[in-house]
Amino acid sequence: MSAAWFLKDLLVILLLPPANGLLLICLGGAAGTAARYGVNLLAASWLGPDFPFATLAVNALGSFLIGVVQQLALDSAVLSET
């Protein structure tokens, strides 16, 4: 099996409706990793490397965003309360 066929099959599997969540999770993870790296570079240059300010900032922001997304999903009845 060639690499092209493998990649085509992989894309078909990832884009089928049951796996859409997997693709979104992968994309979200990649975006989060890039954001954490960028914030880490900025925080280290501004505040110094003595304390992990970047980790603290990214975790606080991520927690806030998860809460916002969940509340919006509950308000629009996309998610059930249970």
PDB file of N, CA and C in Angstrom:
ATOM      1  N   MET A   1       0.855  -1.174   0.000  1.00  0.00           N
ATOM      2  CA  MET A   1       0.000   0.000   0.000  1.00  0.00           C
ATOM      3  C   MET A   1       0.903   1.241   0.000  1.00  0.00           C
ATOM      4  N   SER A   2       0.629   2.156  -0.862  1.00  0.00           N
ATOM      5  CA  SER A   2       1.459   3.351  -0.960  1.00  0.00           C
ATOM      6  C   SER A   2       1.078   4.358   0.132  1.00  0.00           C
ATOM      7  N   ALA A   3       1.996   5.274   0.361  1.00  0.00           N
ATOM      8  CA  ALA A   3       1.767   6.295   1.382  1.00  0.00           C
ATOM      9  C   ALA A   3       0.581   7.181   1.005  1.00  0.00           C
ATOM     10  N   ALA A   4       0.409   7.452  -0.282  1.00  0.00           N
ATOM     11  CA  ALA A   4      -0.700   8.302  -0.726  1.00  0.00           C
ATOM     12  C   ALA A   4      -2.042   7.655  -0.397  1.00  0.00           C
ATOM     13  N   TRP A   5      -2.167   6.347  -0.631  1.00  0.00           N
ATOM     14  CA  TRP A   5      -3.426   5.665  -0.310  1.00  0.00           C
ATOM     15  C   TRP A   5      -3.669   5.656   1.190  1.00  0.00           C
ATOM     16  N   PHE A   6      -2.595   5.463   1.959  1.00  0.00           N
ATOM     17  CA  PHE A   6      -2.740   5.468   3.415  1.00  0.00           C
ATOM     18  C   PHE A   6      -3.236   6.825   3.896  1.00  0.00           C
ATOM     19  N   LEU A   7      -2.640   7.906   3.398  1.00  0.00           N
ATOM     20  CA  LEU A   7      -3.056   9.248   3.808  1.00  0.00           C
ATOM     21  C   LEU A   7      -4.489   9.539   3.377  1.00  0.00           C
ATOM     22  N   LYS A   8      -4.845   9.095   2.170  1.00  0.00           N
ATOM     23  CA  LYS A   8      -6.217   9.305   1.695  1.00  0.00           C
ATOM     24  C   LYS A   8      -7.204   8.572   2.593  1.00  0.00           C
ATOM     25  N   ASP A   9      -6.900   7.319   2.921  1.00  0.00           N
ATOM     26  CA  ASP A   9      -7.786   6.558   3.801  1.00  0.00           C
ATOM     27  C   ASP A   9      -7.866   7.180   5.188  1.00  0.00           C
ATOM     28  N   LEU A  10      -6.734   7.663   5.686  1.00  0.00           N
ATOM     29  CA  LEU A  10      -6.718   8.297   6.995  1.00  0.00           C
ATOM     30  C   LEU A  10      -7.583   9.551   7.001  1.00  0.00           C
ATOM     31  N   LEU A  11      -7.494  10.359   5.957  1.00  0.00           N
ATOM     32  CA  LEU A  11      -8.320  11.568   5.873  1.00  0.00           C
ATOM     33  C   LEU A  11      -9.799  11.220   5.795  1.00  0.00           C
ATOM     34  N   VAL A  12     -10.132  10.177   5.043  1.00  0.00           N
ATOM     35  CA  VAL A  12     -11.535   9.768   4.947  1.00  0.00           C
ATOM     36  C   VAL A  12     -12.049   9.340   6.306  1.00  0.00           C
ATOM     37  N   ILE A  13     -11.235   8.579   7.047  1.00  0.00           N
ATOM     38  CA  ILE A  13     -11.656   8.133   8.373  1.00  0.00           C
ATOM     39  C   ILE A  13     -11.833   9.328   9.305  1.00  0.00           C
ATOM     40  N   LEU A  14     -10.889  10.275   9.265  1.00  0.00           N
ATOM     41  CA  LEU A  14     -10.969  11.422  10.164  1.00  0.00           C
ATOM     42  C   LEU A  14     -12.111  12.362   9.822  1.00  0.00           C
ATOM     43  N   LEU A  15     -12.523  12.392   8.562  1.00  0.00           N
ATOM     44  CA  LEU A  15     -13.571  13.328   8.157  1.00  0.00           C
ATOM     45  C   LEU A  15     -14.960  12.719   8.169  1.00  0.00           C
ATOM     46  N   LEU A  16     -15.082  11.415   8.443  1.00  0.00           N
ATOM     47  CA  LEU A  16     -16.404  10.820   8.570  1.00  0.00           C
ATOM     48  C   LEU A  16     -17.088  11.370   9.822  1.00  0.00           C
ATOM     49  N   PRO A  17     -18.400  11.488   9.812  1.00  0.00           N
ATOM     50  CA  PRO A  17     -19.100  12.116  10.942  1.00  0.00           C
ATOM     51  C   PRO A  17     -18.749  11.578  12.327  1.00  0.00           C
ATOM     52  N   PRO A  18     -18.630  10.272  12.574  1.00  0.00           N
ATOM     53  CA  PRO A  18     -18.314   9.853  13.944  1.00  0.00           C
ATOM     54  C   PRO A  18     -16.937  10.317  14.418  1.00  0.00           C
ATOM     55  N   ALA A  19     -16.010  10.567  13.505  1.00  0.00           N
ATOM     56  CA  ALA A  19     -14.651  10.934  13.900  1.00  0.00           C
ATOM     57  C   ALA A  19     -14.398  12.435  13.817  1.00  0.00           C
ATOM     58  N   ASN A  20     -15.406  13.218  13.483  1.00  0.00           N
ATOM     59  CA  ASN A  20     -15.194  14.670  13.419  1.00  0.00           C
ATOM     60  C   ASN A  20     -14.683  15.210  14.739  1.00  0.00           C
ATOM     61  N   GLY A  21     -15.149  14.637  15.830  1.00  0.00           N
ATOM     62  CA  GLY A  21     -14.684  15.068  17.138  1.00  0.00           C
ATOM     63  C   GLY A  21     -13.195  14.821  17.311  1.00  0.00           C
ATOM     64  N   LEU A  22     -12.706  13.693  16.806  1.00  0.00           N
ATOM     65  CA  LEU A  22     -11.278  13.373  16.902  1.00  0.00           C
ATOM     66  C   LEU A  22     -10.450  14.399  16.146  1.00  0.00           C
ATOM     67  N   LEU A  23     -10.885  14.754  14.964  1.00  0.00           N
ATOM     68  CA  LEU A  23     -10.152  15.744  14.172  1.00  0.00           C
ATOM     69  C   LEU A  23     -10.134  17.100  14.880  1.00  0.00           C
ATOM     70  N   LEU A  24     -11.254  17.500  15.436  1.00  0.00           N
ATOM     71  CA  LEU A  24     -11.312  18.778  16.154  1.00  0.00           C
ATOM     72  C   LEU A  24     -10.433  18.751  17.396  1.00  0.00           C
ATOM     73  N   ILE A  25     -10.396  17.628  18.093  1.00  0.00           N
ATOM     74  CA  ILE A  25      -9.538  17.507  19.270  1.00  0.00           C
ATOM     75  C   ILE A  25      -8.077  17.618  18.869  1.00  0.00           C
ATOM     76  N   CYS A  26      -7.702  16.975  17.765  1.00  0.00           N
ATOM     77  CA  CYS A  26      -6.319  17.055  17.282  1.00  0.00           C
ATOM     78  C   CYS A  26      -5.946  18.484  16.889  1.00  0.00           C
ATOM     79  N   LEU A  27      -6.837  19.157  16.202  1.00  0.00           N
ATOM     80  CA  LEU A  27      -6.565  20.540  15.807  1.00  0.00           C
ATOM     81  C   LEU A  27      -6.500  21.464  17.027  1.00  0.00           C
ATOM     82  N   GLY A  28      -7.376  21.242  17.982  1.00  0.00           N
ATOM     83  CA  GLY A  28      -7.346  22.038  19.203  1.00  0.00           C
ATOM     84  C   GLY A  28      -6.069  21.811  19.995  1.00  0.00           C
ATOM     85  N   GLY A  29      -5.617  20.572  20.053  1.00  0.00           N
ATOM     86  CA  GLY A  29      -4.374  20.265  20.739  1.00  0.00           C
ATOM     87  C   GLY A  29      -3.174  20.919  20.081  1.00  0.00           C
ATOM     88  N   ALA A  30      -3.166  20.905  18.760  1.00  0.00           N
ATOM     89  CA  ALA A  30      -2.066  21.542  18.031  1.00  0.00           C
ATOM     90  C   ALA A  30      -2.074  23.054  18.247  1.00  0.00           C
ATOM     91  N   ALA A  31      -3.251  23.658  18.212  1.00  0.00           N
ATOM     92  CA  ALA A  31      -3.336  25.105  18.441  1.00  0.00           C
ATOM     93  C   ALA A  31      -2.933  25.458  19.871  1.00  0.00           C
ATOM     94  N   GLY A  32      -3.344  24.640  20.821  1.00  0.00           N
ATOM     95  CA  GLY A  32      -2.976  24.884  22.213  1.00  0.00           C
ATOM     96  C   GLY A  32      -1.484  24.763  22.451  1.00  0.00           C
ATOM     97  N   THR A  33      -0.865  23.795  21.806  1.00  0.00           N
ATOM     98  CA  THR A  33       0.580  23.620  21.938  1.00  0.00           C
ATOM     99  C   THR A  33       1.329  24.821  21.375  1.00  0.00           C
ATOM    100  N   ALA A  34       0.910  25.291  20.225  1.00  0.00           N
ATOM    101  CA  ALA A  34       1.553  26.460  19.619  1.00  0.00           C
ATOM    102  C   ALA A  34       1.343  27.708  20.480  1.00  0.00           C
ATOM    103  N   ALA A  35       0.158  27.863  21.035  1.00  0.00           N
ATOM    104  CA  ALA A  35      -0.119  29.014  21.898  1.00  0.00           C
ATOM    105  C   ALA A  35       0.720  28.960  23.164  1.00  0.00           C
ATOM    106  N   ARG A  36       0.819  27.796  23.762  1.00  0.00           N
ATOM    107  CA  ARG A  36       1.607  27.657  24.991  1.00  0.00           C
ATOM    108  C   ARG A  36       3.078  27.981  24.719  1.00  0.00           C
ATOM    109  N   TYR A  37       3.592  27.525  23.598  1.00  0.00           N
ATOM    110  CA  TYR A  37       4.984  27.794  23.246  1.00  0.00           C
ATOM    111  C   TYR A  37       5.212  29.297  23.045  1.00  0.00           C
ATOM    112  N   GLY A  38       4.304  29.955  22.324  1.00  0.00           N
ATOM    113  CA  GLY A  38       4.440  31.391  22.087  1.00  0.00           C
ATOM    114  C   GLY A  38       4.345  32.195  23.366  1.00  0.00           C
ATOM    115  N   VAL A  39       3.387  31.848  24.223  1.00  0.00           N
ATOM    116  CA  VAL A  39       3.246  32.551  25.493  1.00  0.00           C
ATOM    117  C   VAL A  39       4.466  32.310  26.371  1.00  0.00           C
ATOM    118  N   ASN A  40       5.009  31.106  26.326  1.00  0.00           N
ATOM    119  CA  ASN A  40       6.202  30.796  27.105  1.00  0.00           C
ATOM    120  C   ASN A  40       7.384  31.661  26.669  1.00  0.00           C
ATOM    121  N   LEU A  41       7.559  31.838  25.379  1.00  0.00           N
ATOM    122  CA  LEU A  41       8.646  32.689  24.889  1.00  0.00           C
ATOM    123  C   LEU A  41       8.456  34.140  25.333  1.00  0.00           C
ATOM    124  N   LEU A  42       7.237  34.643  25.219  1.00  0.00           N
ATOM    125  CA  LEU A  42       6.963  36.024  25.624  1.00  0.00           C
ATOM    126  C   LEU A  42       7.145  36.228  27.124  1.00  0.00           C
ATOM    127  N   ALA A  43       6.594  35.314  27.911  1.00  0.00           N
ATOM    128  CA  ALA A  43       6.685  35.470  29.365  1.00  0.00           C
ATOM    129  C   ALA A  43       8.124  35.364  29.846  1.00  0.00           C
ATOM    130  N   ALA A  44       8.904  34.485  29.259  1.00  0.00           N
ATOM    131  CA  ALA A  44      10.302  34.336  29.666  1.00  0.00           C
ATOM    132  C   ALA A  44      11.104  35.594  29.328  1.00  0.00           C
ATOM    133  N   SER A  45      10.785  36.211  28.192  1.00  0.00           N
ATOM    134  CA  SER A  45      11.534  37.420  27.819  1.00  0.00           C
ATOM    135  C   SER A  45      11.093  38.636  28.638  1.00  0.00           C
ATOM    136  N   TRP A  46       9.809  38.696  29.007  1.00  0.00           N
ATOM    137  CA  TRP A  46       9.303  39.844  29.772  1.00  0.00           C
ATOM    138  C   TRP A  46       9.560  39.704  31.271  1.00  0.00           C
ATOM    139  N   LEU A  47       9.281  38.505  31.804  1.00  0.00           N
ATOM    140  CA  LEU A  47       9.278  38.327  33.249  1.00  0.00           C
ATOM    141  C   LEU A  47      10.442  37.492  33.769  1.00  0.00           C
ATOM    142  N   GLY A  48      11.194  36.898  32.881  1.00  0.00           N
ATOM    143  CA  GLY A  48      12.315  36.060  33.295  1.00  0.00           C
ATOM    144  C   GLY A  48      11.892  34.605  33.462  1.00  0.00           C
ATOM    145  N   PRO A  49      12.852  33.712  33.468  1.00  0.00           N
ATOM    146  CA  PRO A  49      12.544  32.278  33.510  1.00  0.00           C
ATOM    147  C   PRO A  49      12.444  31.696  34.928  1.00  0.00           C
ATOM    148  N   ASP A  50      12.417  32.533  35.965  1.00  0.00           N
ATOM    149  CA  ASP A  50      12.441  32.027  37.333  1.00  0.00           C
ATOM    150  C   ASP A  50      11.149  31.327  37.757  1.00  0.00           C
ATOM    151  N   PHE A  51      10.017  31.774  37.260  1.00  0.00           N
ATOM    152  CA  PHE A  51       8.724  31.188  37.617  1.00  0.00           C
ATOM    153  C   PHE A  51       7.966  30.885  36.326  1.00  0.00           C
ATOM    154  N   PRO A  52       7.245  29.768  36.249  1.00  0.00           N
ATOM    155  CA  PRO A  52       6.530  29.425  35.005  1.00  0.00           C
ATOM    156  C   PRO A  52       5.240  30.237  34.819  1.00  0.00           C
ATOM    157  N   PHE A  53       5.409  31.548  34.604  1.00  0.00           N
ATOM    158  CA  PHE A  53       4.246  32.423  34.407  1.00  0.00           C
ATOM    159  C   PHE A  53       3.432  32.019  33.185  1.00  0.00           C
ATOM    160  N   ALA A  54       4.110  31.550  32.159  1.00  0.00           N
ATOM    161  CA  ALA A  54       3.405  31.165  30.931  1.00  0.00           C
ATOM    162  C   ALA A  54       2.459  30.010  31.190  1.00  0.00           C
ATOM    163  N   THR A  55       2.908  29.021  31.926  1.00  0.00           N
ATOM    164  CA  THR A  55       2.048  27.875  32.240  1.00  0.00           C
ATOM    165  C   THR A  55       0.843  28.329  33.047  1.00  0.00           C
ATOM    166  N   LEU A  56       1.068  29.183  34.020  1.00  0.00           N
ATOM    167  CA  LEU A  56      -0.021  29.713  34.835  1.00  0.00           C
ATOM    168  C   LEU A  56      -1.020  30.477  33.970  1.00  0.00           C
ATOM    169  N   ALA A  57      -0.530  31.338  33.098  1.00  0.00           N
ATOM    170  CA  ALA A  57      -1.411  32.149  32.241  1.00  0.00           C
ATOM    171  C   ALA A  57      -2.199  31.288  31.259  1.00  0.00           C
ATOM    172  N   VAL A  58      -1.531  30.347  30.616  1.00  0.00           N
ATOM    173  CA  VAL A  58      -2.213  29.503  29.625  1.00  0.00           C
ATOM    174  C   VAL A  58      -3.239  28.602  30.300  1.00  0.00           C
ATOM    175  N   ASN A  59      -2.907  28.051  31.466  1.00  0.00           N
ATOM    176  CA  ASN A  59      -3.866  27.192  32.163  1.00  0.00           C
ATOM    177  C   ASN A  59      -5.080  27.979  32.648  1.00  0.00           C
ATOM    178  N   ALA A  60      -4.870  29.183  33.159  1.00  0.00           N
ATOM    179  CA  ALA A  60      -5.992  30.010  33.602  1.00  0.00           C
ATOM    180  C   ALA A  60      -6.884  30.411  32.421  1.00  0.00           C
ATOM    181  N   LEU A  61      -6.262  30.824  31.332  1.00  0.00           N
ATOM    182  CA  LEU A  61      -7.032  31.204  30.146  1.00  0.00           C
ATOM    183  C   LEU A  61      -7.778  29.999  29.559  1.00  0.00           C
ATOM    184  N   GLY A  62      -7.110  28.857  29.509  1.00  0.00           N
ATOM    185  CA  GLY A  62      -7.756  27.648  28.986  1.00  0.00           C
ATOM    186  C   GLY A  62      -8.940  27.224  29.824  1.00  0.00           C
ATOM    187  N   SER A  63      -8.805  27.304  31.143  1.00  0.00           N
ATOM    188  CA  SER A  63      -9.913  26.962  32.036  1.00  0.00           C
ATOM    189  C   SER A  63     -11.091  27.906  31.828  1.00  0.00           C
ATOM    190  N   PHE A  64     -10.796  29.192  31.674  1.00  0.00           N
ATOM    191  CA  PHE A  64     -11.843  30.173  31.419  1.00  0.00           C
ATOM    192  C   PHE A  64     -12.558  29.882  30.097  1.00  0.00           C
ATOM    193  N   LEU A  65     -11.795  29.596  29.065  1.00  0.00           N
ATOM    194  CA  LEU A  65     -12.395  29.331  27.749  1.00  0.00           C
ATOM    195  C   LEU A  65     -13.224  28.053  27.749  1.00  0.00           C
ATOM    196  N   ILE A  66     -12.768  27.029  28.464  1.00  0.00           N
ATOM    197  CA  ILE A  66     -13.563  25.804  28.570  1.00  0.00           C
ATOM    198  C   ILE A  66     -14.900  26.108  29.242  1.00  0.00           C
ATOM    199  N   GLY A  67     -14.877  26.927  30.293  1.00  0.00           N
ATOM    200  CA  GLY A  67     -16.117  27.311  30.962  1.00  0.00           C
ATOM    201  C   GLY A  67     -17.044  28.101  30.063  1.00  0.00           C
ATOM    202  N   VAL A  68     -16.484  29.008  29.279  1.00  0.00           N
ATOM    203  CA  VAL A  68     -17.299  29.806  28.348  1.00  0.00           C
ATOM    204  C   VAL A  68     -17.933  28.908  27.283  1.00  0.00           C
ATOM    205  N   VAL A  69     -17.143  28.027  26.701  1.00  0.00           N
ATOM    206  CA  VAL A  69     -17.670  27.138  25.652  1.00  0.00           C
ATOM    207  C   VAL A  69     -18.752  26.223  26.225  1.00  0.00           C
ATOM    208  N   GLN A  70     -18.532  25.684  27.408  1.00  0.00           N
ATOM    209  CA  GLN A  70     -19.540  24.809  28.003  1.00  0.00           C
ATOM    210  C   GLN A  70     -20.821  25.573  28.307  1.00  0.00           C
ATOM    211  N   GLN A  71     -20.705  26.779  28.827  1.00  0.00           N
ATOM    212  CA  GLN A  71     -21.907  27.556  29.129  1.00  0.00           C
ATOM    213  C   GLN A  71     -22.666  27.901  27.849  1.00  0.00           C
ATOM    214  N   LEU A  72     -21.951  28.278  26.811  1.00  0.00           N
ATOM    215  CA  LEU A  72     -22.618  28.568  25.537  1.00  0.00           C
ATOM    216  C   LEU A  72     -23.302  27.321  24.981  1.00  0.00           C
ATOM    217  N   ALA A  73     -22.645  26.176  25.111  1.00  0.00           N
ATOM    218  CA  ALA A  73     -23.249  24.936  24.619  1.00  0.00           C
ATOM    219  C   ALA A  73     -24.487  24.572  25.427  1.00  0.00           C
ATOM    220  N   LEU A  74     -24.459  24.768  26.732  1.00  0.00           N
ATOM    221  CA  LEU A  74     -25.636  24.482  27.557  1.00  0.00           C
ATOM    222  C   LEU A  74     -26.772  25.447  27.253  1.00  0.00           C
ATOM    223  N   ASP A  75     -26.446  26.710  27.067  1.00  0.00           N
ATOM    224  CA  ASP A  75     -27.484  27.703  26.766  1.00  0.00           C
ATOM    225  C   ASP A  75     -28.148  27.452  25.420  1.00  0.00           C
ATOM    226  N   SER A  76     -27.399  26.929  24.466  1.00  0.00           N
ATOM    227  CA  SER A  76     -27.966  26.684  23.142  1.00  0.00           C
ATOM    228  C   SER A  76     -28.492  25.271  22.994  1.00  0.00           C
ATOM    229  N   ALA A  77     -28.510  24.497  24.090  1.00  0.00           N
ATOM    230  CA  ALA A  77     -29.039  23.122  24.133  1.00  0.00           C
ATOM    231  C   ALA A  77     -28.237  22.172  23.253  1.00  0.00           C
ATOM    232  N   VAL A  78     -26.985  22.484  22.988  1.00  0.00           N
ATOM    233  CA  VAL A  78     -26.132  21.541  22.263  1.00  0.00           C
ATOM    234  C   VAL A  78     -25.722  20.407  23.195  1.00  0.00           C
ATOM    235  N   LEU A  79     -25.530  20.732  24.481  1.00  0.00           N
ATOM    236  CA  LEU A  79     -25.188  19.740  25.501  1.00  0.00           C
ATOM    237  C   LEU A  79     -26.336  19.632  26.484  1.00  0.00           C
ATOM    238  N   SER A  80     -26.518  18.432  27.005  1.00  0.00           N
ATOM    239  CA  SER A  80     -27.496  18.277  28.082  1.00  0.00           C
ATOM    240  C   SER A  80     -26.803  18.550  29.405  1.00  0.00           C
ATOM    241  N   GLU A  81     -27.579  18.840  30.442  1.00  0.00           N
ATOM    242  CA  GLU A  81     -27.011  19.142  31.742  1.00  0.00           C
ATOM    243  C   GLU A  81     -26.482  17.903  32.441  1.00  0.00           C
ATOM    244  N   THR A  82     -26.861  16.739  31.992  1.00  0.00           N
ATOM    245  CA  THR A  82     -26.397  15.503  32.649  1.00  0.00           C
ATOM    246  C   THR A  82     -25.329  14.798  31.865  1.00  0.00           C
TER     247      THR A  82
END
